Amino acid sequence: MKKIPTTCLIAVSFAILRNVFGQNFIVQETQEGLNTEYNVINNSPIPFNIDAFAVESTGGSPSTTDPGWSAVLLDASSWLQSMGGTLPSWLDYTGETYAQAFPKDPASVDGYVLDQPNLGSVISTGSSLDGFFFQGAPDSTDRFMLVNEHGPAIVEGQIITHFGTVEVVPEPTVLSLVGIGILVLCWRMKRPDTAQAFARMRGLRPCRLGRRGGRKPRVESRA
């Protein structure tokens, strides 16, 4: 039997992982006042070591509250520069040109990168990483790119990046108002009509107005 080269097996393994786990990395956008927060979620069955990510949004002025991370506004020119001053350029580290990563060729994208190389933030299964912001409103068409931590030598077929579109999450205040509205609607549906209840108590039947307006309602005794 002919032996299959190890490199081929590795490439096939990476391809399988991409198909199984590729859609399980999610970026959510939640508006908080004038800002929108990014939240990176790992729904895959394996931990996710993330070194950087970038999102095409309608806003700008990216910022972060996470220690060890830097925020930068990226364009086609800065894509060729060092990531955070320590990692190689975005082109060299991701293996993607600016146009490949963001085919719409936006004027700029929001970028976030670790300050120290090879010290990726591990997002365990079912966990998330938040604390990344930009000024502007969320948009469900925003495209994201997540970057896996990896060494300088890239194995053929190795999964370096994950792409997708964001999920927009309503503000907590909006969710609260929607919940209150549903409760009120349910209460009104279960609450008996006041006039009908009053008529039943007195053994009377409320009479509806005629087709023409202006007449006062009459109360008739039941036959």
Protein backbone atom coordinates (compact mmCIF):
# COMPACT_ATOMS: atom_id res chain seq x y z
CA MET A 1 0.00 0.00 0.00
CA LYS A 2 1.29 3.41 -0.97
CA LYS A 3 2.05 5.61 2.02
CA ILE A 4 0.25 8.97 2.13
CA PRO A 5 2.65 11.89 2.79
CA THR A 6 2.37 13.42 6.26
CA THR A 7 1.91 16.90 4.81
CA CYS A 8 -1.17 15.69 2.92
CA LEU A 9 -2.65 14.22 6.09
CA ILE A 10 -2.06 17.50 7.94
CA ALA A 11 -3.68 19.50 5.14
CA VAL A 12 -6.72 17.19 5.11
CA SER A 13 -7.00 17.45 8.90
CA PHE A 14 -6.96 21.24 8.73
CA ALA A 15 -9.61 21.19 5.99
CA ILE A 16 -11.87 19.00 8.13
CA LEU A 17 -11.39 21.30 11.12
CA ARG A 18 -12.28 24.31 8.97
CA ASN A 19 -15.54 22.67 7.85
CA VAL A 20 -16.48 21.49 11.34
CA PHE A 21 -15.46 24.51 13.39
CA GLY A 22 -15.28 27.33 10.87
CA GLN A 23 -18.76 28.69 11.60
CA ASN A 24 -18.49 28.39 15.36
CA PHE A 25 -16.44 31.53 15.92
CA ILE A 26 -18.80 34.48 16.25
CA VAL A 27 -18.35 38.22 16.65
CA GLN A 28 -21.28 40.06 18.18
CA GLU A 29 -21.94 43.81 18.07
CA THR A 30 -23.87 45.48 20.89
CA GLN A 31 -24.55 49.22 20.91
CA GLU A 32 -23.78 51.05 24.14
CA GLY A 33 -24.69 54.69 23.79
CA LEU A 34 -22.60 56.24 21.02
CA ASN A 35 -20.25 53.22 20.95
CA THR A 36 -20.58 49.62 19.83
CA GLU A 37 -18.83 46.74 21.60
CA TYR A 38 -17.36 43.68 19.91
CA ASN A 39 -17.64 40.32 21.65
CA VAL A 40 -15.72 37.33 20.24
CA ILE A 41 -17.44 34.03 21.07
CA ASN A 42 -16.06 30.51 20.75
CA ASN A 43 -18.84 27.97 20.15
CA SER A 44 -16.47 25.31 18.83
CA PRO A 45 -15.55 22.19 20.86
CA ILE A 46 -11.89 23.28 21.05
CA PRO A 47 -10.15 26.28 22.68
CA PHE A 48 -9.42 29.21 20.40
CA ASN A 49 -6.06 31.02 20.68
CA ILE A 50 -6.58 34.46 19.19
CA ASP A 51 -3.79 36.94 18.44
CA ALA A 52 -5.73 39.59 16.56
CA PHE A 53 -8.93 40.40 14.73
CA ALA A 54 -10.29 43.08 12.42
CA VAL A 55 -13.83 44.17 11.55
CA GLU A 56 -15.17 46.19 8.65
CA SER A 57 -17.69 48.58 10.21
CA THR A 58 -19.49 51.82 9.41
CA GLY A 59 -17.86 53.50 12.42
CA GLY A 60 -14.32 54.23 13.53
CA SER A 61 -12.08 55.28 16.42
CA PRO A 62 -11.49 51.72 17.72
CA SER A 63 -10.53 51.30 21.38
CA THR A 64 -10.17 48.55 23.97
CA THR A 65 -10.31 48.14 27.73
CA ASP A 66 -8.48 44.80 27.67
CA PRO A 67 -4.94 44.90 29.09
CA GLY A 68 -2.31 43.60 26.69
CA TRP A 69 -4.35 44.56 23.61
CA SER A 70 -4.03 47.52 21.27
CA ALA A 71 -6.63 49.05 18.96
CA VAL A 72 -5.73 50.55 15.58
CA LEU A 73 -7.56 51.88 12.55
CA LEU A 74 -6.28 49.86 9.58
CA ASP A 75 -6.22 50.64 5.88
CA ALA A 76 -4.50 49.14 2.83
CA SER A 77 -1.25 50.94 3.71
CA SER A 78 -1.05 50.06 7.42
CA TRP A 79 -1.95 46.46 6.50
CA LEU A 80 1.64 46.19 5.29
CA GLN A 81 3.06 47.43 8.60
CA SER A 82 3.85 45.59 11.83
CA MET A 83 0.91 44.41 13.93
CA GLY A 84 1.17 46.28 17.22
CA GLY A 85 4.86 46.87 16.68
CA THR A 86 5.93 43.33 17.63
CA LEU A 87 4.29 40.90 15.22
CA PRO A 88 4.95 40.85 11.45
CA SER A 89 2.71 42.82 9.14
CA TRP A 90 -0.94 41.90 8.85
CA LEU A 91 -0.16 40.61 5.35
CA ASP A 92 2.67 38.35 6.49
CA TYR A 93 0.99 37.09 9.66
CA THR A 94 -2.43 36.34 8.15
CA GLY A 95 -1.38 35.39 4.64
CA GLU A 96 -4.19 37.61 3.34
CA THR A 97 -3.92 40.84 1.40
CA TYR A 98 -6.17 43.71 2.47
CA ALA A 99 -8.42 43.12 -0.53
CA GLN A 100 -8.58 39.37 0.13
CA ALA A 101 -9.52 39.89 3.76
CA PHE A 102 -12.08 42.59 2.94
CA PRO A 103 -13.24 42.24 -0.69
CA LYS A 104 -15.34 45.42 -0.53
CA ASP A 105 -12.06 47.33 -0.13
CA PRO A 106 -13.29 49.65 2.65
CA ALA A 107 -11.42 52.85 3.42
CA SER A 108 -10.52 51.43 6.84
CA VAL A 109 -11.33 48.64 9.30
CA ASP A 110 -11.17 48.36 13.10
CA GLY A 111 -8.14 46.34 14.17
CA TYR A 112 -7.25 44.77 17.54
CA VAL A 113 -3.99 42.97 18.27
CA LEU A 114 -2.06 41.56 21.22
CA ASP A 115 0.94 43.60 22.32
CA GLN A 116 3.14 40.51 22.86
CA PRO A 117 3.53 37.81 20.20
CA ASN A 118 2.80 34.17 20.96
CA LEU A 119 0.80 35.11 24.06
CA GLY A 120 -2.61 34.60 22.52
CA SER A 121 -5.76 35.04 24.55
CA VAL A 122 -7.28 31.58 24.94
CA ILE A 123 -11.06 31.59 24.54
CA SER A 124 -12.30 28.29 25.94
CA THR A 125 -15.32 26.49 24.55
CA GLY A 126 -18.52 28.39 25.29
CA SER A 127 -16.62 31.46 26.49
CA SER A 128 -16.08 34.90 24.98
CA LEU A 129 -13.70 37.86 24.87
CA ASP A 130 -15.16 41.37 24.98
CA GLY A 131 -13.98 44.88 25.80
CA PHE A 132 -13.40 46.03 22.20
CA PHE A 133 -15.21 49.16 20.99
CA PHE A 134 -15.69 51.55 18.09
CA GLN A 135 -17.69 54.74 17.67
CA GLY A 136 -20.78 54.10 15.59
CA ALA A 137 -23.80 51.85 15.26
CA PRO A 138 -23.81 48.07 14.75
CA ASP A 139 -24.56 46.62 11.33
CA SER A 140 -25.35 42.99 10.52
CA THR A 141 -23.39 43.25 7.25
CA ASP A 142 -20.08 44.03 9.03
CA ARG A 143 -17.40 41.50 8.03
CA PHE A 144 -14.88 40.18 10.54
CA MET A 145 -11.57 38.35 10.39
CA LEU A 146 -10.26 36.42 13.41
CA VAL A 147 -6.57 35.48 13.52
CA ASN A 148 -5.26 32.30 15.15
CA GLU A 149 -2.04 32.35 17.13
CA HIS A 150 0.71 30.57 15.20
CA GLY A 151 4.45 30.37 14.83
CA PRO A 152 6.60 31.87 12.09
CA ALA A 153 6.47 28.65 10.06
CA ILE A 154 3.03 28.11 8.51
CA VAL A 155 2.17 24.52 7.60
CA GLU A 156 0.39 24.08 4.28
CA GLY A 157 -3.36 24.03 4.89
CA GLN A 158 -3.04 25.42 8.41
CA ILE A 159 -6.06 27.46 9.50
CA ILE A 160 -4.84 30.98 10.20
CA THR A 161 -7.96 33.09 9.79
CA HIS A 162 -11.72 32.78 10.26
CA PHE A 163 -14.16 35.04 8.40
CA GLY A 164 -17.82 35.82 8.81
CA THR A 165 -20.42 38.53 9.37
CA VAL A 166 -21.29 39.86 12.80
CA GLU A 167 -24.38 39.19 14.88
CA VAL A 168 -26.13 42.31 16.13
CA VAL A 169 -27.38 42.11 19.72
CA PRO A 170 -30.03 44.62 20.90
CA GLU A 171 -29.15 46.94 23.76
CA PRO A 172 -30.20 45.67 27.23
CA THR A 173 -32.62 48.60 27.56
CA VAL A 174 -34.30 47.61 24.29
CA LEU A 175 -34.65 44.02 25.48
CA SER A 176 -36.18 45.23 28.75
CA LEU A 177 -38.73 47.39 26.93
CA VAL A 178 -39.66 44.50 24.64
CA GLY A 179 -40.12 42.22 27.67
CA ILE A 180 -42.32 44.77 29.42
CA GLY A 181 -44.39 45.21 26.27
CA ILE A 182 -44.99 41.46 26.02
CA LEU A 183 -46.04 41.26 29.67
CA VAL A 184 -48.49 44.15 29.26
CA LEU A 185 -49.95 42.56 26.13
CA CYS A 186 -50.45 39.23 27.90
CA TRP A 187 -52.06 41.00 30.87
CA ARG A 188 -54.49 42.87 28.62
CA MET A 189 -55.38 39.68 26.76
CA LYS A 190 -56.22 37.89 30.03
CA ARG A 191 -57.93 40.90 31.68
CA PRO A 192 -61.75 40.81 31.26
CA ASP A 193 -63.43 43.79 29.66
CA THR A 194 -64.55 46.19 32.41
CA ALA A 195 -67.96 46.97 30.89
CA GLN A 196 -68.76 43.32 30.32
CA ALA A 197 -67.70 42.39 33.84
CA PHE A 198 -69.87 45.22 35.32
CA ALA A 199 -72.87 44.10 33.25
CA ARG A 200 -72.52 40.52 34.41
CA MET A 201 -72.42 41.61 38.03
CA ARG A 202 -75.75 43.44 37.64
CA GLY A 203 -77.34 40.82 35.43
CA LEU A 204 -77.51 43.30 32.55
CA ARG A 205 -76.40 43.25 28.96
CA PRO A 206 -74.50 46.27 27.58
CA CYS A 207 -76.05 47.62 24.40
CA ARG A 208 -73.75 48.63 21.59
CA LEU A 209 -74.01 51.93 19.79
CA GLY A 210 -75.88 52.03 16.51
CA ARG A 211 -74.14 52.59 13.25
CA ARG A 212 -74.57 56.31 13.56
CA GLY A 213 -72.51 58.00 16.25
CA GLY A 214 -73.68 60.49 18.82
CA ARG A 215 -76.09 58.22 20.72
CA LYS A 216 -75.46 57.36 24.33
CA PRO A 217 -75.25 53.67 25.22
CA ARG A 218 -78.44 52.09 26.62
CA VAL A 219 -78.51 49.30 29.18
CA GLU A 220 -81.23 46.73 28.65
CA SER A 221 -82.48 44.06 31.05
CA ARG A 222 -82.02 40.55 29.92
CA ALA A 223 -85.15 38.87 28.57
